Amino acid sequence: MMKDYQQQANGDLDLATGDLLVTESTYQHQRDLLLSGKGHIRQKPEAGVGAVDYLQDNDPEALLRATRKEFTTDGMKVKRVAFNQQTNDLDVEASYEND
């Protein structure tokens, strides 16, 4: 299980209780990797999928490959990355090795 500071839906730190909260953060890490392009994460400039670029290029297969690669590189065991045919949502089954 990956733990990190709890974030709001927009990625800002959640300070609703007046203090920082530590919580399970696999989904937060996945979201951050998907939305960040190369060079956007200062501590790991080589990390990031940059999903918006793939969507603008209309290249869904490349997005799936890049997502699988980045999640694996970040230490996740990826079981499945695919588009849901009914909802067109990105379905991801991935967790960190120690989960």
N, C-alpha and C. Protein backbone atom coordinates (compact mmCIF):
# COMPACT_ATOMS: atom_id res chain seq x y z
N MET A 1 0.84 -1.18 0.00
CA MET A 1 0.00 0.00 0.00
C MET A 1 0.89 1.24 0.00
N MET A 2 0.62 2.15 -0.90
CA MET A 2 1.36 3.40 -0.99
C MET A 2 0.65 4.44 -0.13
N LYS A 3 1.40 5.15 0.68
CA LYS A 3 0.83 6.20 1.53
C LYS A 3 1.48 7.53 1.21
N ASP A 4 0.68 8.58 1.27
CA ASP A 4 1.15 9.93 0.99
C ASP A 4 0.14 10.90 1.61
N TYR A 5 0.43 12.19 1.51
CA TYR A 5 -0.50 13.19 2.03
C TYR A 5 -1.78 13.17 1.22
N GLN A 6 -2.91 13.26 1.91
CA GLN A 6 -4.21 13.25 1.25
C GLN A 6 -4.38 14.51 0.41
N GLN A 7 -4.92 14.32 -0.78
CA GLN A 7 -5.15 15.43 -1.70
C GLN A 7 -6.64 15.60 -1.94
N GLN A 8 -7.02 16.81 -2.36
CA GLN A 8 -8.37 17.06 -2.82
C GLN A 8 -8.48 16.53 -4.25
N ALA A 9 -9.68 16.52 -4.81
CA ALA A 9 -9.89 16.01 -6.17
C ALA A 9 -9.07 16.77 -7.21
N ASN A 10 -8.76 18.04 -6.94
CA ASN A 10 -8.00 18.85 -7.89
C ASN A 10 -6.49 18.71 -7.71
N GLY A 11 -6.05 17.87 -6.77
CA GLY A 11 -4.63 17.65 -6.56
C GLY A 11 -3.99 18.50 -5.47
N ASP A 12 -4.73 19.48 -4.95
CA ASP A 12 -4.20 20.30 -3.85
C ASP A 12 -4.20 19.48 -2.56
N LEU A 13 -3.32 19.83 -1.63
CA LEU A 13 -3.32 19.15 -0.35
C LEU A 13 -4.64 19.38 0.36
N ASP A 14 -5.16 18.33 1.01
CA ASP A 14 -6.41 18.41 1.75
C ASP A 14 -6.12 18.88 3.17
N LEU A 15 -6.49 20.11 3.46
CA LEU A 15 -6.27 20.70 4.78
C LEU A 15 -7.60 20.94 5.51
N ALA A 16 -8.63 20.17 5.14
CA ALA A 16 -9.97 20.37 5.70
C ALA A 16 -9.99 20.21 7.22
N THR A 17 -9.13 19.37 7.75
CA THR A 17 -9.09 19.15 9.20
C THR A 17 -8.14 20.13 9.90
N GLY A 18 -7.47 20.98 9.12
CA GLY A 18 -6.52 21.92 9.68
C GLY A 18 -5.11 21.35 9.79
N ASP A 19 -4.93 20.12 9.34
CA ASP A 19 -3.63 19.47 9.43
C ASP A 19 -3.46 18.55 8.21
N LEU A 20 -2.23 18.13 7.97
CA LEU A 20 -1.97 17.19 6.89
C LEU A 20 -2.41 15.79 7.31
N LEU A 21 -3.06 15.07 6.40
CA LEU A 21 -3.48 13.70 6.67
C LEU A 21 -2.69 12.77 5.76
N VAL A 22 -2.25 11.64 6.30
CA VAL A 22 -1.59 10.61 5.50
C VAL A 22 -2.62 9.53 5.22
N THR A 23 -2.72 9.13 3.95
CA THR A 23 -3.74 8.17 3.56
C THR A 23 -3.21 7.28 2.44
N GLU A 24 -3.94 6.24 2.09
CA GLU A 24 -3.60 5.38 0.97
C GLU A 24 -3.64 6.25 -0.29
N SER A 25 -2.62 6.17 -1.13
CA SER A 25 -2.50 7.15 -2.21
C SER A 25 -2.25 6.57 -3.60
N THR A 26 -2.51 5.28 -3.81
CA THR A 26 -2.26 4.69 -5.13
C THR A 26 -3.01 5.46 -6.22
N TYR A 27 -4.30 5.72 -6.00
CA TYR A 27 -5.09 6.44 -7.00
C TYR A 27 -4.51 7.83 -7.27
N GLN A 28 -4.09 8.53 -6.21
CA GLN A 28 -3.49 9.87 -6.38
C GLN A 28 -2.24 9.79 -7.26
N HIS A 29 -1.40 8.79 -7.03
CA HIS A 29 -0.18 8.64 -7.82
C HIS A 29 -0.53 8.32 -9.28
N GLN A 30 -1.51 7.47 -9.49
CA GLN A 30 -1.92 7.15 -10.85
C GLN A 30 -2.43 8.39 -11.58
N ARG A 31 -3.29 9.15 -10.89
CA ARG A 31 -3.83 10.38 -11.49
C ARG A 31 -2.70 11.36 -11.83
N ASP A 32 -1.77 11.54 -10.89
CA ASP A 32 -0.67 12.47 -11.13
C ASP A 32 0.20 12.04 -12.30
N LEU A 33 0.50 10.74 -12.39
CA LEU A 33 1.30 10.25 -13.51
C LEU A 33 0.57 10.41 -14.84
N LEU A 34 -0.74 10.14 -14.85
CA LEU A 34 -1.51 10.28 -16.09
C LEU A 34 -1.56 11.73 -16.58
N LEU A 35 -1.76 12.65 -15.67
CA LEU A 35 -1.93 14.05 -16.06
C LEU A 35 -0.62 14.79 -16.31
N SER A 36 0.46 14.34 -15.69
CA SER A 36 1.74 15.03 -15.82
C SER A 36 2.48 14.60 -17.08
N GLY A 37 3.04 15.57 -17.76
CA GLY A 37 3.90 15.26 -18.90
C GLY A 37 5.34 15.14 -18.45
N LYS A 38 6.19 14.67 -19.33
CA LYS A 38 7.62 14.56 -19.02
C LYS A 38 8.14 15.93 -18.60
N GLY A 39 8.89 15.96 -17.49
CA GLY A 39 9.46 17.20 -16.99
C GLY A 39 8.59 17.95 -16.00
N HIS A 40 7.34 17.52 -15.80
CA HIS A 40 6.45 18.24 -14.89
C HIS A 40 6.65 17.86 -13.43
N ILE A 41 7.23 16.70 -13.18
CA ILE A 41 7.47 16.26 -11.80
C ILE A 41 8.94 16.51 -11.50
N ARG A 42 9.21 17.50 -10.68
CA ARG A 42 10.58 17.96 -10.45
C ARG A 42 11.49 16.85 -9.94
N GLN A 43 11.01 16.02 -9.02
CA GLN A 43 11.85 14.97 -8.44
C GLN A 43 12.13 13.84 -9.43
N LYS A 44 11.27 13.67 -10.42
CA LYS A 44 11.41 12.61 -11.42
C LYS A 44 11.05 13.17 -12.80
N PRO A 45 11.92 13.96 -13.41
CA PRO A 45 11.56 14.63 -14.66
C PRO A 45 11.29 13.68 -15.83
N GLU A 46 11.76 12.43 -15.73
CA GLU A 46 11.52 11.47 -16.80
C GLU A 46 10.16 10.79 -16.67
N ALA A 47 9.43 11.03 -15.57
CA ALA A 47 8.15 10.38 -15.31
C ALA A 47 6.99 11.20 -15.87
N GLY A 48 5.91 10.51 -16.19
CA GLY A 48 4.68 11.17 -16.63
C GLY A 48 4.19 10.64 -17.96
N VAL A 49 2.88 10.48 -18.06
CA VAL A 49 2.26 10.00 -19.29
C VAL A 49 1.90 11.16 -20.21
N GLY A 50 1.35 12.23 -19.66
CA GLY A 50 0.88 13.33 -20.49
C GLY A 50 -0.33 12.92 -21.31
N ALA A 51 -1.35 12.38 -20.64
CA ALA A 51 -2.52 11.80 -21.31
C ALA A 51 -3.21 12.76 -22.26
N VAL A 52 -3.23 14.04 -21.93
CA VAL A 52 -3.91 15.02 -22.78
C VAL A 52 -3.30 15.05 -24.18
N ASP A 53 -1.98 14.91 -24.26
CA ASP A 53 -1.32 14.90 -25.57
C ASP A 53 -1.79 13.73 -26.43
N TYR A 54 -1.93 12.56 -25.83
CA TYR A 54 -2.39 11.39 -26.58
C TYR A 54 -3.83 11.55 -27.02
N LEU A 55 -4.65 12.16 -26.18
CA LEU A 55 -6.05 12.37 -26.54
C LEU A 55 -6.18 13.38 -27.67
N GLN A 56 -5.35 14.42 -27.64
CA GLN A 56 -5.37 15.41 -28.72
C GLN A 56 -4.89 14.80 -30.03
N ASP A 57 -3.95 13.84 -29.94
CA ASP A 57 -3.44 13.17 -31.14
C ASP A 57 -4.35 12.03 -31.58
N ASN A 58 -5.40 11.75 -30.80
CA ASN A 58 -6.33 10.66 -31.09
C ASN A 58 -5.59 9.34 -31.28
N ASP A 59 -4.74 8.99 -30.31
CA ASP A 59 -3.94 7.77 -30.36
C ASP A 59 -4.15 6.96 -29.07
N PRO A 60 -5.33 6.33 -28.94
CA PRO A 60 -5.65 5.64 -27.70
C PRO A 60 -4.72 4.47 -27.39
N GLU A 61 -4.26 3.75 -28.39
CA GLU A 61 -3.37 2.61 -28.14
C GLU A 61 -2.03 3.06 -27.57
N ALA A 62 -1.51 4.18 -28.06
CA ALA A 62 -0.26 4.72 -27.53
C ALA A 62 -0.45 5.18 -26.09
N LEU A 63 -1.62 5.74 -25.77
CA LEU A 63 -1.92 6.14 -24.40
C LEU A 63 -1.91 4.92 -23.47
N LEU A 64 -2.51 3.83 -23.90
CA LEU A 64 -2.54 2.62 -23.08
C LEU A 64 -1.13 2.08 -22.85
N ARG A 65 -0.30 2.06 -23.91
CA ARG A 65 1.08 1.59 -23.77
C ARG A 65 1.88 2.47 -22.83
N ALA A 66 1.76 3.79 -22.99
CA ALA A 66 2.50 4.73 -22.15
C ALA A 66 2.06 4.63 -20.69
N THR A 67 0.78 4.44 -20.47
CA THR A 67 0.25 4.31 -19.11
C THR A 67 0.82 3.06 -18.45
N ARG A 68 0.77 1.95 -19.16
CA ARG A 68 1.31 0.69 -18.62
C ARG A 68 2.80 0.86 -18.30
N LYS A 69 3.55 1.47 -19.21
CA LYS A 69 5.00 1.64 -19.02
C LYS A 69 5.30 2.52 -17.81
N GLU A 70 4.63 3.66 -17.69
CA GLU A 70 4.90 4.59 -16.60
C GLU A 70 4.50 4.01 -15.25
N PHE A 71 3.37 3.32 -15.19
CA PHE A 71 2.94 2.72 -13.93
C PHE A 71 3.92 1.62 -13.51
N THR A 72 4.38 0.83 -14.46
CA THR A 72 5.35 -0.22 -14.16
C THR A 72 6.66 0.38 -13.69
N THR A 73 7.12 1.42 -14.37
CA THR A 73 8.36 2.09 -13.99
C THR A 73 8.26 2.69 -12.59
N ASP A 74 7.06 3.13 -12.21
CA ASP A 74 6.85 3.72 -10.89
C ASP A 74 6.74 2.66 -9.79
N GLY A 75 6.79 1.38 -10.16
CA GLY A 75 6.77 0.31 -9.17
C GLY A 75 5.44 -0.40 -9.01
N MET A 76 4.48 -0.12 -9.88
CA MET A 76 3.19 -0.78 -9.78
C MET A 76 3.19 -2.09 -10.56
N LYS A 77 2.41 -3.02 -10.08
CA LYS A 77 2.15 -4.25 -10.82
C LYS A 77 0.87 -3.99 -11.60
N VAL A 78 0.98 -3.94 -12.92
CA VAL A 78 -0.15 -3.58 -13.77
C VAL A 78 -0.82 -4.85 -14.28
N LYS A 79 -2.08 -5.02 -13.91
CA LYS A 79 -2.85 -6.17 -14.39
C LYS A 79 -3.61 -5.84 -15.66
N ARG A 80 -4.11 -4.60 -15.74
CA ARG A 80 -4.94 -4.25 -16.90
C ARG A 80 -4.99 -2.74 -17.07
N VAL A 81 -4.86 -2.32 -18.32
CA VAL A 81 -5.07 -0.93 -18.71
C VAL A 81 -5.86 -0.99 -20.02
N ALA A 82 -7.09 -0.50 -20.01
CA ALA A 82 -7.94 -0.59 -21.20
C ALA A 82 -9.03 0.48 -21.12
N PHE A 83 -9.67 0.71 -22.25
CA PHE A 83 -10.82 1.61 -22.28
C PHE A 83 -12.08 0.78 -22.10
N ASN A 84 -12.97 1.24 -21.22
CA ASN A 84 -14.26 0.60 -21.03
C ASN A 84 -15.11 0.91 -22.26
N GLN A 85 -15.59 -0.12 -22.92
CA GLN A 85 -16.33 0.05 -24.17
C GLN A 85 -17.66 0.78 -23.98
N GLN A 86 -18.32 0.60 -22.82
CA GLN A 86 -19.60 1.25 -22.59
C GLN A 86 -19.45 2.73 -22.20
N THR A 87 -18.47 3.02 -21.33
CA THR A 87 -18.37 4.38 -20.80
C THR A 87 -17.23 5.20 -21.42
N ASN A 88 -16.33 4.52 -22.14
CA ASN A 88 -15.15 5.18 -22.73
C ASN A 88 -14.18 5.69 -21.66
N ASP A 89 -14.34 5.21 -20.43
CA ASP A 89 -13.42 5.58 -19.34
C ASP A 89 -12.17 4.72 -19.43
N LEU A 90 -11.09 5.23 -18.88
CA LEU A 90 -9.86 4.46 -18.77
C LEU A 90 -9.97 3.58 -17.53
N ASP A 91 -9.93 2.27 -17.72
CA ASP A 91 -9.98 1.32 -16.61
C ASP A 91 -8.57 0.84 -16.33
N VAL A 92 -8.15 0.99 -15.08
CA VAL A 92 -6.81 0.60 -14.67
C VAL A 92 -6.90 -0.34 -13.48
N GLU A 93 -6.22 -1.46 -13.58
CA GLU A 93 -6.02 -2.34 -12.43
C GLU A 93 -4.53 -2.41 -12.21
N ALA A 94 -4.06 -1.63 -11.26
CA ALA A 94 -2.61 -1.57 -10.95
C ALA A 94 -2.45 -1.21 -9.49
N SER A 95 -1.47 -1.83 -8.88
CA SER A 95 -1.18 -1.54 -7.48
C SER A 95 0.31 -1.67 -7.26
N TYR A 96 0.78 -1.07 -6.19
CA TYR A 96 2.19 -1.18 -5.87
C TYR A 96 2.50 -2.58 -5.38
N GLU A 97 3.67 -3.08 -5.67
CA GLU A 97 4.07 -4.45 -5.41
C GLU A 97 3.77 -4.91 -4.00
N ASN A 98 3.88 -4.03 -3.02
CA ASN A 98 3.66 -4.44 -1.63
C ASN A 98 2.20 -4.40 -1.22
N ASP A 99 1.28 -4.13 -2.15
CA ASP A 99 -0.16 -4.11 -1.82
C ASP A 99 -0.71 -5.51 -1.72
